[in-house]
PDB file of all heavy atoms in Angstrom:
ATOM      1  N   TRP A   1      60.760  -1.297 120.473  1.00  0.00           N
ATOM      2  CA  TRP A   1      60.722  -1.540 121.910  1.00  0.00           C
ATOM      3  C   TRP A   1      61.852  -2.460 122.441  1.00  0.00           C
ATOM      4  O   TRP A   1      62.075  -2.608 123.638  1.00  0.00           O
ATOM      5  CB  TRP A   1      59.400  -2.103 122.381  1.00  0.00           C
ATOM      6  CG  TRP A   1      58.341  -1.179 122.381  1.00  0.00           C
ATOM      7  CD1 TRP A   1      58.043  -0.293 123.327  1.00  0.00           C
ATOM      8  CD2 TRP A   1      57.461  -0.813 121.284  1.00  0.00           C
ATOM      9  NE1 TRP A   1      56.991   0.525 122.987  1.00  0.00           N
ATOM     10  CE2 TRP A   1      56.591   0.252 121.720  1.00  0.00           C
ATOM     11  CE3 TRP A   1      57.279  -1.304 120.000  1.00  0.00           C
ATOM     12  CZ2 TRP A   1      55.630   0.813 120.918  1.00  0.00           C
ATOM     13  CZ3 TRP A   1      56.212  -0.715 119.199  1.00  0.00           C
ATOM     14  CH2 TRP A   1      55.504   0.391 119.668  1.00  0.00           C
ATOM     15  N   ASN A   2      62.630  -3.078 121.495  1.00  0.00           N
ATOM     16  CA  ASN A   2      63.751  -3.874 121.960  1.00  0.00           C
ATOM     17  C   ASN A   2      63.333  -4.776 123.031  1.00  0.00           C
ATOM     18  O   ASN A   2      63.982  -5.044 124.012  1.00  0.00           O
ATOM     19  CB  ASN A   2      64.871  -2.969 122.429  1.00  0.00           C
ATOM     20  CG  ASN A   2      66.240  -3.843 122.525  1.00  0.00           C
ATOM     21  OD1 ASN A   2      66.408  -4.761 121.892  1.00  0.00           O
ATOM     22  ND2 ASN A   2      67.113  -3.361 123.494  1.00  0.00           N
ATOM     23  N   SER A   3      62.211  -5.394 122.907  1.00  0.00           N
ATOM     24  CA  SER A   3      61.634  -6.333 123.858  1.00  0.00           C
ATOM     25  C   SER A   3      61.318  -7.731 123.203  1.00  0.00           C
ATOM     26  O   SER A   3      60.503  -7.737 122.158  1.00  0.00           O
ATOM     27  CB  SER A   3      60.387  -5.824 124.503  1.00  0.00           C
ATOM     28  OG  SER A   3      59.672  -6.781 125.183  1.00  0.00           O
ATOM     29  N   ALA A   4      61.849  -8.785 123.658  1.00  0.00           N
ATOM     30  CA  ALA A   4      61.529 -10.149 123.056  1.00  0.00           C
ATOM     31  C   ALA A   4      60.112 -10.430 123.262  1.00  0.00           C
ATOM     32  O   ALA A   4      59.543 -11.100 122.343  1.00  0.00           O
ATOM     33  CB  ALA A   4      62.426 -11.150 123.799  1.00  0.00           C
ATOM     34  N   GLY A   5      59.517  -9.952 124.395  1.00  0.00           N
ATOM     35  CA  GLY A   5      58.087 -10.297 124.527  1.00  0.00           C
ATOM     36  C   GLY A   5      57.207  -9.548 123.502  1.00  0.00           C
ATOM     37  O   GLY A   5      56.268 -10.209 122.882  1.00  0.00           O
ATOM     38  N   VAL A   6      57.456  -8.340 123.349  1.00  0.00           N
ATOM     39  CA  VAL A   6      56.720  -7.555 122.315  1.00  0.00           C
ATOM     40  C   VAL A   6      56.924  -8.106 120.919  1.00  0.00           C
ATOM     41  O   VAL A   6      55.984  -8.253 120.119  1.00  0.00           O
ATOM     42  CB  VAL A   6      57.060  -6.047 122.359  1.00  0.00           C
ATOM     43  CG1 VAL A   6      56.436  -5.277 121.183  1.00  0.00           C
ATOM     44  CG2 VAL A   6      56.655  -5.445 123.692  1.00  0.00           C
ATOM     45  N   THR A   7      58.234  -8.372 120.624  1.00  0.00           N
ATOM     46  CA  THR A   7      58.508  -8.988 119.313  1.00  0.00           C
ATOM     47  C   THR A   7      57.747 -10.278 118.948  1.00  0.00           C
ATOM     48  O   THR A   7      57.243 -10.501 117.869  1.00  0.00           O
ATOM     49  CB  THR A   7      60.060  -9.218 119.202  1.00  0.00           C
ATOM     50  OG1 THR A   7      60.711  -7.938 119.411  1.00  0.00           O
ATOM     51  CG2 THR A   7      60.419  -9.669 117.788  1.00  0.00           C
ATOM     52  N   THR A   8      57.717 -11.129 120.088  1.00  0.00           N
ATOM     53  CA  THR A   8      56.998 -12.406 119.874  1.00  0.00           C
ATOM     54  C   THR A   8      55.473 -12.181 119.588  1.00  0.00           C
ATOM     55  O   THR A   8      54.928 -12.860 118.829  1.00  0.00           O
ATOM     56  CB  THR A   8      57.178 -13.264 121.204  1.00  0.00           C
ATOM     57  OG1 THR A   8      58.572 -13.489 121.445  1.00  0.00           O
ATOM     58  CG2 THR A   8      56.514 -14.594 121.016  1.00  0.00           C
ATOM     59  N   ILE A   9      54.912 -11.264 120.367  1.00  0.00           N
ATOM     60  CA  ILE A   9      53.497 -10.928 120.192  1.00  0.00           C
ATOM     61  C   ILE A   9      53.293 -10.411 118.769  1.00  0.00           C
ATOM     62  O   ILE A   9      52.266 -10.780 118.116  1.00  0.00           O
ATOM     63  CB  ILE A   9      53.048  -9.886 121.164  1.00  0.00           C
ATOM     64  CG1 ILE A   9      53.039 -10.550 122.640  1.00  0.00           C
ATOM     65  CG2 ILE A   9      51.655  -9.298 120.933  1.00  0.00           C
ATOM     66  CD1 ILE A   9      52.779  -9.529 123.755  1.00  0.00           C
ATOM     67  N   CYS A  10      54.179  -9.588 118.305  1.00  0.00           N
ATOM     68  CA  CYS A  10      54.039  -9.004 116.947  1.00  0.00           C
ATOM     69  C   CYS A  10      54.062 -10.135 115.864  1.00  0.00           C
ATOM     70  O   CYS A  10      53.291 -10.201 114.955  1.00  0.00           O
ATOM     71  CB  CYS A  10      55.141  -7.992 116.633  1.00  0.00           C
ATOM     72  SG  CYS A  10      54.957  -6.436 117.580  1.00  0.00           S
ATOM     73  N   ALA A  11      54.977 -11.106 116.194  1.00  0.00           N
ATOM     74  CA  ALA A  11      55.190 -12.234 115.223  1.00  0.00           C
ATOM     75  C   ALA A  11      53.839 -13.080 115.179  1.00  0.00           C
ATOM     76  O   ALA A  11      53.449 -13.563 114.091  1.00  0.00           O
ATOM     77  CB  ALA A  11      56.410 -13.091 115.622  1.00  0.00           C
ATOM     78  N   LEU A  12      53.349 -13.356 116.299  1.00  0.00           N
ATOM     79  CA  LEU A  12      52.116 -14.215 116.388  1.00  0.00           C
ATOM     80  C   LEU A  12      50.928 -13.420 115.829  1.00  0.00           C
ATOM     81  O   LEU A  12      50.110 -14.092 115.220  1.00  0.00           O
ATOM     82  CB  LEU A  12      51.900 -14.529 117.861  1.00  0.00           C
ATOM     83  CG  LEU A  12      52.886 -15.661 118.405  1.00  0.00           C
ATOM     84  CD1 LEU A  12      52.611 -15.818 119.945  1.00  0.00           C
ATOM     85  CD2 LEU A  12      52.669 -16.943 117.772  1.00  0.00           C
ATOM     86  N   LEU A  13      50.854 -12.112 116.057  1.00  0.00           N
ATOM     87  CA  LEU A  13      49.662 -11.402 115.656  1.00  0.00           C
ATOM     88  C   LEU A  13      49.704 -11.207 114.081  1.00  0.00           C
ATOM     89  O   LEU A  13      48.585 -11.175 113.424  1.00  0.00           O
ATOM     90  CB  LEU A  13      49.590 -10.091 116.264  1.00  0.00           C
ATOM     91  CG  LEU A  13      49.026 -10.275 117.712  1.00  0.00           C
ATOM     92  CD1 LEU A  13      49.161  -8.875 118.464  1.00  0.00           C
ATOM     93  CD2 LEU A  13      47.610 -10.734 117.795  1.00  0.00           C
ATOM     94  N   VAL A  14      50.888 -10.915 113.471  1.00  0.00           N
ATOM     95  CA  VAL A  14      50.857 -10.834 112.048  1.00  0.00           C
ATOM     96  C   VAL A  14      50.557 -12.137 111.356  1.00  0.00           C
ATOM     97  O   VAL A  14      49.869 -12.172 110.387  1.00  0.00           O
ATOM     98  CB  VAL A  14      52.282 -10.304 111.573  1.00  0.00           C
ATOM     99  CG1 VAL A  14      53.375 -11.339 111.659  1.00  0.00           C
ATOM    100  CG2 VAL A  14      52.214  -9.762 110.108  1.00  0.00           C
ATOM    101  N   LEU A  15      50.947 -13.200 112.021  1.00  0.00           N
ATOM    102  CA  LEU A  15      50.578 -14.630 111.523  1.00  0.00           C
ATOM    103  C   LEU A  15      49.034 -14.798 111.668  1.00  0.00           C
ATOM    104  O   LEU A  15      48.452 -15.272 110.713  1.00  0.00           O
ATOM    105  CB  LEU A  15      51.288 -15.669 112.299  1.00  0.00           C
ATOM    106  CG  LEU A  15      50.914 -17.102 111.952  1.00  0.00           C
ATOM    107  CD1 LEU A  15      51.350 -17.454 110.484  1.00  0.00           C
ATOM    108  CD2 LEU A  15      51.847 -18.014 112.874  1.00  0.00           C
ATOM    109  N   THR A  16      48.497 -14.384 112.815  1.00  0.00           N
ATOM    110  CA  THR A  16      47.102 -14.537 113.087  1.00  0.00           C
ATOM    111  C   THR A  16      46.285 -13.702 112.036  1.00  0.00           C
ATOM    112  O   THR A  16      45.303 -14.145 111.485  1.00  0.00           O
ATOM    113  CB  THR A  16      46.754 -14.087 114.498  1.00  0.00           C
ATOM    114  OG1 THR A  16      47.502 -14.884 115.440  1.00  0.00           O
ATOM    115  CG2 THR A  16      45.243 -14.210 114.768  1.00  0.00           C
ATOM    116  N   GLY A  17      46.760 -12.497 111.780  1.00  0.00           N
ATOM    117  CA  GLY A  17      46.161 -11.687 110.807  1.00  0.00           C
ATOM    118  C   GLY A  17      46.061 -12.250 109.407  1.00  0.00           C
ATOM    119  O   GLY A  17      45.071 -12.103 108.699  1.00  0.00           O
ATOM    120  N   HIS A  18      47.177 -12.878 108.984  1.00  0.00           N
ATOM    121  CA  HIS A  18      47.229 -13.589 107.730  1.00  0.00           C
ATOM    122  C   HIS A  18      46.298 -14.711 107.662  1.00  0.00           C
ATOM    123  O   HIS A  18      45.642 -14.903 106.613  1.00  0.00           O
ATOM    124  CB  HIS A  18      48.653 -14.067 107.392  1.00  0.00           C
ATOM    125  CG  HIS A  18      48.718 -14.658 106.109  1.00  0.00           C
ATOM    126  ND1 HIS A  18      48.781 -13.999 104.862  1.00  0.00           N
ATOM    127  CD2 HIS A  18      48.795 -16.043 105.711  1.00  0.00           C
ATOM    128  CE1 HIS A  18      48.810 -14.809 103.872  1.00  0.00           C
ATOM    129  NE2 HIS A  18      48.862 -16.149 104.368  1.00  0.00           N
ATOM    130  N   ILE A  19      46.113 -15.499 108.738  1.00  0.00           N
ATOM    131  CA  ILE A  19      45.257 -16.611 108.713  1.00  0.00           C
ATOM    132  C   ILE A  19      43.791 -16.270 108.912  1.00  0.00           C
ATOM    133  O   ILE A  19      42.983 -16.836 108.181  1.00  0.00           O
ATOM    134  CB  ILE A  19      45.650 -17.590 109.916  1.00  0.00           C
ATOM    135  CG1 ILE A  19      47.112 -18.166 109.607  1.00  0.00           C
ATOM    136  CG2 ILE A  19      44.657 -18.724 109.985  1.00  0.00           C
ATOM    137  CD1 ILE A  19      47.625 -18.938 110.770  1.00  0.00           C
ATOM    138  N   TRP A  20      43.558 -15.228 109.772  1.00  0.00           N
ATOM    139  CA  TRP A  20      42.151 -14.810 109.981  1.00  0.00           C
ATOM    140  C   TRP A  20      42.097 -13.269 109.720  1.00  0.00           C
ATOM    141  O   TRP A  20      41.956 -12.506 110.643  1.00  0.00           O
ATOM    142  CB  TRP A  20      41.674 -15.191 111.383  1.00  0.00           C
ATOM    143  CG  TRP A  20      41.618 -16.610 111.559  1.00  0.00           C
ATOM    144  CD1 TRP A  20      40.625 -17.444 111.065  1.00  0.00           C
ATOM    145  CD2 TRP A  20      42.453 -17.411 112.409  1.00  0.00           C
ATOM    146  NE1 TRP A  20      40.822 -18.727 111.531  1.00  0.00           N
ATOM    147  CE2 TRP A  20      41.932 -18.798 112.310  1.00  0.00           C
ATOM    148  CE3 TRP A  20      43.515 -17.128 113.216  1.00  0.00           C
ATOM    149  CZ2 TRP A  20      42.575 -19.795 113.043  1.00  0.00           C
ATOM    150  CZ3 TRP A  20      44.183 -18.220 113.834  1.00  0.00           C
ATOM    151  CH2 TRP A  20      43.603 -19.543 113.804  1.00  0.00           C
ATOM    152  N   PRO A  21      42.184 -12.851 108.425  1.00  0.00           N
ATOM    153  CA  PRO A  21      42.188 -11.433 108.112  1.00  0.00           C
ATOM    154  C   PRO A  21      40.819 -10.675 108.224  1.00  0.00           C
ATOM    155  O   PRO A  21      39.865 -11.158 107.659  1.00  0.00           O
ATOM    156  CB  PRO A  21      42.635 -11.368 106.708  1.00  0.00           C
ATOM    157  CG  PRO A  21      42.239 -12.692 106.089  1.00  0.00           C
ATOM    158  CD  PRO A  21      42.294 -13.721 107.199  1.00  0.00           C
ATOM    159  N   VAL A  22      40.782  -9.600 108.948  1.00  0.00           N
ATOM    160  CA  VAL A  22      39.597  -8.863 109.163  1.00  0.00           C
ATOM    161  C   VAL A  22      39.013  -8.323 107.911  1.00  0.00           C
ATOM    162  O   VAL A  22      37.854  -8.146 107.689  1.00  0.00           O
ATOM    163  CB  VAL A  22      39.768  -7.776 110.207  1.00  0.00           C
ATOM    164  CG1 VAL A  22      40.784  -6.730 109.694  1.00  0.00           C
ATOM    165  CG2 VAL A  22      38.485  -7.109 110.593  1.00  0.00           C
ATOM    166  N   PHE A  23      39.955  -8.012 106.918  1.00  0.00           N
ATOM    167  CA  PHE A  23      39.495  -7.324 105.720  1.00  0.00           C
ATOM    168  C   PHE A  23      38.707  -8.237 104.743  1.00  0.00           C
ATOM    169  O   PHE A  23      37.990  -7.725 103.844  1.00  0.00           O
ATOM    170  CB  PHE A  23      40.676  -6.765 105.001  1.00  0.00           C
ATOM    171  CG  PHE A  23      41.516  -5.842 105.696  1.00  0.00           C
ATOM    172  CD1 PHE A  23      42.818  -5.897 105.920  1.00  0.00           C
ATOM    173  CD2 PHE A  23      40.816  -4.682 106.347  1.00  0.00           C
ATOM    174  CE1 PHE A  23      43.631  -4.992 106.679  1.00  0.00           C
ATOM    175  CE2 PHE A  23      41.530  -3.723 107.050  1.00  0.00           C
ATOM    176  CZ  PHE A  23      42.941  -3.943 107.276  1.00  0.00           C
ATOM    177  N   ILE A  24      38.819  -9.546 104.853  1.00  0.00           N
ATOM    178  CA  ILE A  24      38.073 -10.489 103.933  1.00  0.00           C
ATOM    179  C   ILE A  24      37.310 -11.515 104.675  1.00  0.00           C
ATOM    180  O   ILE A  24      37.295 -12.713 104.329  1.00  0.00           O
ATOM    181  CB  ILE A  24      39.079 -11.066 102.893  1.00  0.00           C
ATOM    182  CG1 ILE A  24      40.298 -11.753 103.558  1.00  0.00           C
ATOM    183  CG2 ILE A  24      39.552 -10.021 101.893  1.00  0.00           C
ATOM    184  CD1 ILE A  24      41.116 -12.574 102.653  1.00  0.00           C
ATOM    185  N   GLY A  25      36.711 -11.139 105.738  1.00  0.00           N
ATOM    186  CA  GLY A  25      35.861 -11.992 106.548  1.00  0.00           C
ATOM    187  C   GLY A  25      36.455 -13.056 107.331  1.00  0.00           C
ATOM    188  O   GLY A  25      35.957 -14.162 107.580  1.00  0.00           O
ATOM    189  N   PHE A  26      37.765 -12.884 107.750  1.00  0.00           N
ATOM    190  CA  PHE A  26      38.479 -13.777 108.601  1.00  0.00           C
ATOM    191  C   PHE A  26      38.697 -15.184 108.006  1.00  0.00           C
ATOM    192  O   PHE A  26      38.895 -16.123 108.732  1.00  0.00           O
ATOM    193  CB  PHE A  26      37.708 -13.930 109.939  1.00  0.00           C
ATOM    194  CG  PHE A  26      37.458 -12.723 110.662  1.00  0.00           C
ATOM    195  CD1 PHE A  26      36.228 -12.091 110.576  1.00  0.00           C
ATOM    196  CD2 PHE A  26      38.444 -12.115 111.425  1.00  0.00           C
ATOM    197  CE1 PHE A  26      35.985 -10.897 111.266  1.00  0.00           C
ATOM    198  CE2 PHE A  26      38.244 -10.828 112.056  1.00  0.00           C
ATOM    199  CZ  PHE A  26      37.004 -10.249 111.968  1.00  0.00           C
ATOM    200  N   LYS A  27      38.822 -15.140 106.609  1.00  0.00           N
ATOM    201  CA  LYS A  27      39.130 -16.416 105.954  1.00  0.00           C
ATOM    202  C   LYS A  27      40.409 -16.172 105.109  1.00  0.00           C
ATOM    203  O   LYS A  27      40.262 -15.696 103.990  1.00  0.00           O
ATOM    204  CB  LYS A  27      37.981 -16.926 105.103  1.00  0.00           C
ATOM    205  CG  LYS A  27      36.748 -17.330 105.934  1.00  0.00           C
ATOM    206  CD  LYS A  27      35.614 -17.693 105.047  1.00  0.00           C
ATOM    207  CE  LYS A  27      34.342 -18.114 105.840  1.00  0.00           C
ATOM    208  NZ  LYS A  27      33.292 -18.521 105.051  1.00  0.00           N
ATOM    209  N   GLY A  28      41.584 -16.407 105.638  1.00  0.00           N
ATOM    210  CA  GLY A  28      42.769 -16.162 104.921  1.00  0.00           C
ATOM    211  C   GLY A  28      43.642 -17.299 104.529  1.00  0.00           C
ATOM    212  O   GLY A  28      43.009 -18.379 104.224  1.00  0.00           O
ATOM    213  N   GLY A  29      44.897 -17.122 104.572  1.00  0.00           N
ATOM    214  CA  GLY A  29      45.854 -18.160 104.113  1.00  0.00           C
ATOM    215  C   GLY A  29      46.207 -19.138 105.210  1.00  0.00           C
ATOM    216  O   GLY A  29      45.702 -19.143 106.296  1.00  0.00           O
ATOM    217  N   ARG A  30      47.154 -19.989 104.821  1.00  0.00           N
ATOM    218  CA  ARG A  30      47.593 -21.015 105.776  1.00  0.00           C
ATOM    219  C   ARG A  30      48.823 -20.597 106.612  1.00  0.00           C
ATOM    220  O   ARG A  30      49.250 -21.380 107.537  1.00  0.00           O
ATOM    221  CB  ARG A  30      47.917 -22.301 105.021  1.00  0.00           C
ATOM    222  CG  ARG A  30      46.652 -22.865 104.355  1.00  0.00           C
ATOM    223  CD  ARG A  30      46.878 -24.209 103.707  1.00  0.00           C
ATOM    224  NE  ARG A  30      45.659 -24.788 103.253  1.00  0.00           N
ATOM    225  CZ  ARG A  30      45.120 -24.650 102.069  1.00  0.00           C
ATOM    226  NH1 ARG A  30      45.744 -23.908 101.179  1.00  0.00           N
ATOM    227  NH2 ARG A  30      44.035 -25.195 101.767  1.00  0.00           N
ATOM    228  N   GLY A  31      49.333 -19.424 106.358  1.00  0.00           N
ATOM    229  CA  GLY A  31      50.372 -18.864 107.217  1.00  0.00           C
ATOM    230  C   GLY A  31      51.837 -19.282 106.961  1.00  0.00           C
ATOM    231  O   GLY A  31      52.725 -18.863 107.725  1.00  0.00           O
ATOM    232  N   THR A  32      51.999 -20.063 105.965  1.00  0.00           N
ATOM    233  CA  THR A  32      53.401 -20.606 105.736  1.00  0.00           C
ATOM    234  C   THR A  32      54.449 -19.464 105.484  1.00  0.00           C
ATOM    235  O   THR A  32      55.461 -19.349 106.174  1.00  0.00           O
ATOM    236  CB  THR A  32      53.469 -21.499 104.564  1.00  0.00           C
ATOM    237  OG1 THR A  32      52.559 -22.593 104.778  1.00  0.00           O
ATOM    238  CG2 THR A  32      54.836 -22.066 104.397  1.00  0.00           C
ATOM    239  N   ALA A  33      54.140 -18.569 104.491  1.00  0.00           N
ATOM    240  CA  ALA A  33      55.008 -17.500 104.136  1.00  0.00           C
ATOM    241  C   ALA A  33      55.237 -16.530 105.295  1.00  0.00           C
ATOM    242  O   ALA A  33      56.392 -16.136 105.574  1.00  0.00           O
ATOM    243  CB  ALA A  33      54.539 -16.740 102.910  1.00  0.00           C
ATOM    244  N   SER A  34      54.232 -16.137 105.926  1.00  0.00           N
ATOM    245  CA  SER A  34      54.258 -15.192 107.037  1.00  0.00           C
ATOM    246  C   SER A  34      55.011 -15.799 108.235  1.00  0.00           C
ATOM    247  O   SER A  34      55.898 -15.163 108.884  1.00  0.00           O
ATOM    248  CB  SER A  34      52.877 -14.759 107.436  1.00  0.00           C
ATOM    249  OG  SER A  34      52.250 -13.963 106.453  1.00  0.00           O
ATOM    250  N   GLY A  35      54.707 -17.018 108.541  1.00  0.00           N
ATOM    251  CA  GLY A  35      55.459 -17.731 109.606  1.00  0.00           C
ATOM    252  C   GLY A  35      56.890 -17.922 109.274  1.00  0.00           C
ATOM    253  O   GLY A  35      57.783 -17.753 110.187  1.00  0.00           O
ATOM    254  N   TRP A  36      57.208 -18.250 108.015  1.00  0.00           N
ATOM    255  CA  TRP A  36      58.640 -18.502 107.588  1.00  0.00           C
ATOM    256  C   TRP A  36      59.449 -17.237 107.801  1.00  0.00           C
ATOM    257  O   TRP A  36      60.571 -17.271 108.315  1.00  0.00           O
ATOM    258  CB  TRP A  36      58.553 -18.986 106.201  1.00  0.00           C
ATOM    259  CG  TRP A  36      59.866 -19.382 105.560  1.00  0.00           C
ATOM    260  CD1 TRP A  36      61.020 -19.833 106.241  1.00  0.00           C
ATOM    261  CD2 TRP A  36      60.158 -19.408 104.153  1.00  0.00           C
ATOM    262  NE1 TRP A  36      61.938 -20.142 105.332  1.00  0.00           N
ATOM    263  CE2 TRP A  36      61.530 -19.833 104.026  1.00  0.00           C
ATOM    264  CE3 TRP A  36      59.432 -19.069 102.989  1.00  0.00           C
ATOM    265  CZ2 TRP A  36      62.069 -20.003 102.797  1.00  0.00           C
ATOM    266  CZ3 TRP A  36      60.000 -19.221 101.758  1.00  0.00           C
ATOM    267  CH2 TRP A  36      61.385 -19.650 101.672  1.00  0.00           C
ATOM    268  N   ALA A  37      58.826 -16.171 107.322  1.00  0.00           N
ATOM    269  CA  ALA A  37      59.532 -14.870 107.380  1.00  0.00           C
ATOM    270  C   ALA A  37      59.766 -14.370 108.846  1.00  0.00           C
ATOM    271  O   ALA A  37      60.912 -13.978 109.207  1.00  0.00           O
ATOM    272  CB  ALA A  37      58.728 -13.727 106.610  1.00  0.00           C
ATOM    273  N   ALA A  38      58.748 -14.559 109.680  1.00  0.00           N
ATOM    274  CA  ALA A  38      58.912 -14.210 111.094  1.00  0.00           C
ATOM    275  C   ALA A  38      59.905 -15.078 111.767  1.00  0.00           C
ATOM    276  O   ALA A  38      60.722 -14.593 112.543  1.00  0.00           O
ATOM    277  CB  ALA A  38      57.509 -14.357 111.753  1.00  0.00           C
ATOM    278  N   LEU A  39      59.997 -16.354 111.404  1.00  0.00           N
ATOM    279  CA  LEU A  39      60.941 -17.224 111.947  1.00  0.00           C
ATOM    280  C   LEU A  39      62.393 -16.794 111.659  1.00  0.00           C
ATOM    281  O   LEU A  39      63.292 -16.759 112.468  1.00  0.00           O
ATOM    282  CB  LEU A  39      60.739 -18.680 111.385  1.00  0.00           C
ATOM    283  CG  LEU A  39      61.651 -19.756 111.935  1.00  0.00           C
ATOM    284  CD1 LEU A  39      61.275 -20.041 113.391  1.00  0.00           C
ATOM    285  CD2 LEU A  39      61.500 -21.028 111.124  1.00  0.00           C
ATOM    286  N   PHE A  40      62.597 -16.278 110.353  1.00  0.00           N
ATOM    287  CA  PHE A  40      63.909 -15.876 109.944  1.00  0.00           C
ATOM    288  C   PHE A  40      64.282 -14.665 110.756  1.00  0.00           C
ATOM    289  O   PHE A  40      65.522 -14.486 111.081  1.00  0.00           O
ATOM    290  CB  PHE A  40      63.881 -15.521 108.500  1.00  0.00           C
ATOM    291  CG  PHE A  40      64.503 -16.610 107.620  1.00  0.00           C
ATOM    292  CD1 PHE A  40      63.733 -17.313 106.782  1.00  0.00           C
ATOM    293  CD2 PHE A  40      65.906 -16.821 107.621  1.00  0.00           C
ATOM    294  CE1 PHE A  40      64.268 -18.301 106.012  1.00  0.00           C
ATOM    295  CE2 PHE A  40      66.426 -17.826 106.803  1.00  0.00           C
ATOM    296  CZ  PHE A  40      65.562 -18.573 106.027  1.00  0.00           C
ATOM    297  N   VAL A  41      63.396 -13.654 111.027  1.00  0.00           N
ATOM    298  CA  VAL A  41      63.711 -12.513 111.751  1.00  0.00           C
ATOM    299  C   VAL A  41      64.031 -12.898 113.234  1.00  0.00           C
ATOM    300  O   VAL A  41      65.018 -12.387 113.806  1.00  0.00           O
ATOM    301  CB  VAL A  41      62.535 -11.497 111.719  1.00  0.00           C
ATOM    302  CG1 VAL A  41      62.934 -10.238 112.571  1.00  0.00           C
ATOM    303  CG2 VAL A  41      62.292 -11.088 110.271  1.00  0.00           C
ATOM    304  N   LEU A  42      63.261 -13.692 113.823  1.00  0.00           N
ATOM    305  CA  LEU A  42      63.449 -14.063 115.228  1.00  0.00           C
ATOM    306  C   LEU A  42      64.720 -14.879 115.420  1.00  0.00           C
ATOM    307  O   LEU A  42      65.412 -14.696 116.332  1.00  0.00           O
ATOM    308  CB  LEU A  42      62.232 -14.833 115.751  1.00  0.00           C
ATOM    309  CG  LEU A  42      60.874 -14.142 115.815  1.00  0.00           C
ATOM    310  CD1 LEU A  42      59.800 -15.082 116.234  1.00  0.00           C
ATOM    311  CD2 LEU A  42      60.944 -12.919 116.715  1.00  0.00           C
ATOM    312  N   SER A  43      64.889 -15.863 114.540  1.00  0.00           N
ATOM    313  CA  SER A  43      66.082 -16.738 114.664  1.00  0.00           C
ATOM    314  C   SER A  43      66.484 -17.179 113.291  1.00  0.00           C
ATOM    315  O   SER A  43      65.961 -18.196 112.759  1.00  0.00           O
ATOM    316  CB  SER A  43      65.637 -18.016 115.494  1.00  0.00           C
ATOM    317  OG  SER A  43      66.658 -18.959 115.486  1.00  0.00           O
ATOM    318  N   PRO A  44      67.440 -16.476 112.699  1.00  0.00           N
ATOM    319  CA  PRO A  44      67.907 -16.888 111.407  1.00  0.00           C
ATOM    320  C   PRO A  44      68.340 -18.335 111.249  1.00  0.00           C
ATOM    321  O   PRO A  44      68.121 -18.948 110.238  1.00  0.00           O
ATOM    322  CB  PRO A  44      69.091 -15.970 111.110  1.00  0.00           C
ATOM    323  CG  PRO A  44      68.755 -14.680 112.014  1.00  0.00           C
ATOM    324  CD  PRO A  44      68.075 -15.289 113.267  1.00  0.00           C
ATOM    325  N   ILE A  45      68.942 -18.900 112.326  1.00  0.00           N
ATOM    326  CA  ILE A  45      69.358 -20.248 112.259  1.00  0.00           C
ATOM    327  C   ILE A  45      68.172 -21.195 112.075  1.00  0.00           C
ATOM    328  O   ILE A  45      68.171 -22.077 111.282  1.00  0.00           O
ATOM    329  CB  ILE A  45      70.093 -20.609 113.566  1.00  0.00           C
ATOM    330  CG1 ILE A  45      71.450 -19.861 113.580  1.00  0.00           C
ATOM    331  CG2 ILE A  45      70.333 -22.142 113.636  1.00  0.00           C
ATOM    332  CD1 ILE A  45      72.224 -20.077 114.994  1.00  0.00           C
TER     333      ILE A  45
END
């Protein structure tokens, strides 16, 4: 979509999914790795 808004939503939702995953009862990780990776994609600096 080449949209900053959509990209931001995707980044937040993949992080939310990792923290509260539907597949294992909404009890997931702390989000560090997923957030770190998303940060690199959005802003390498």
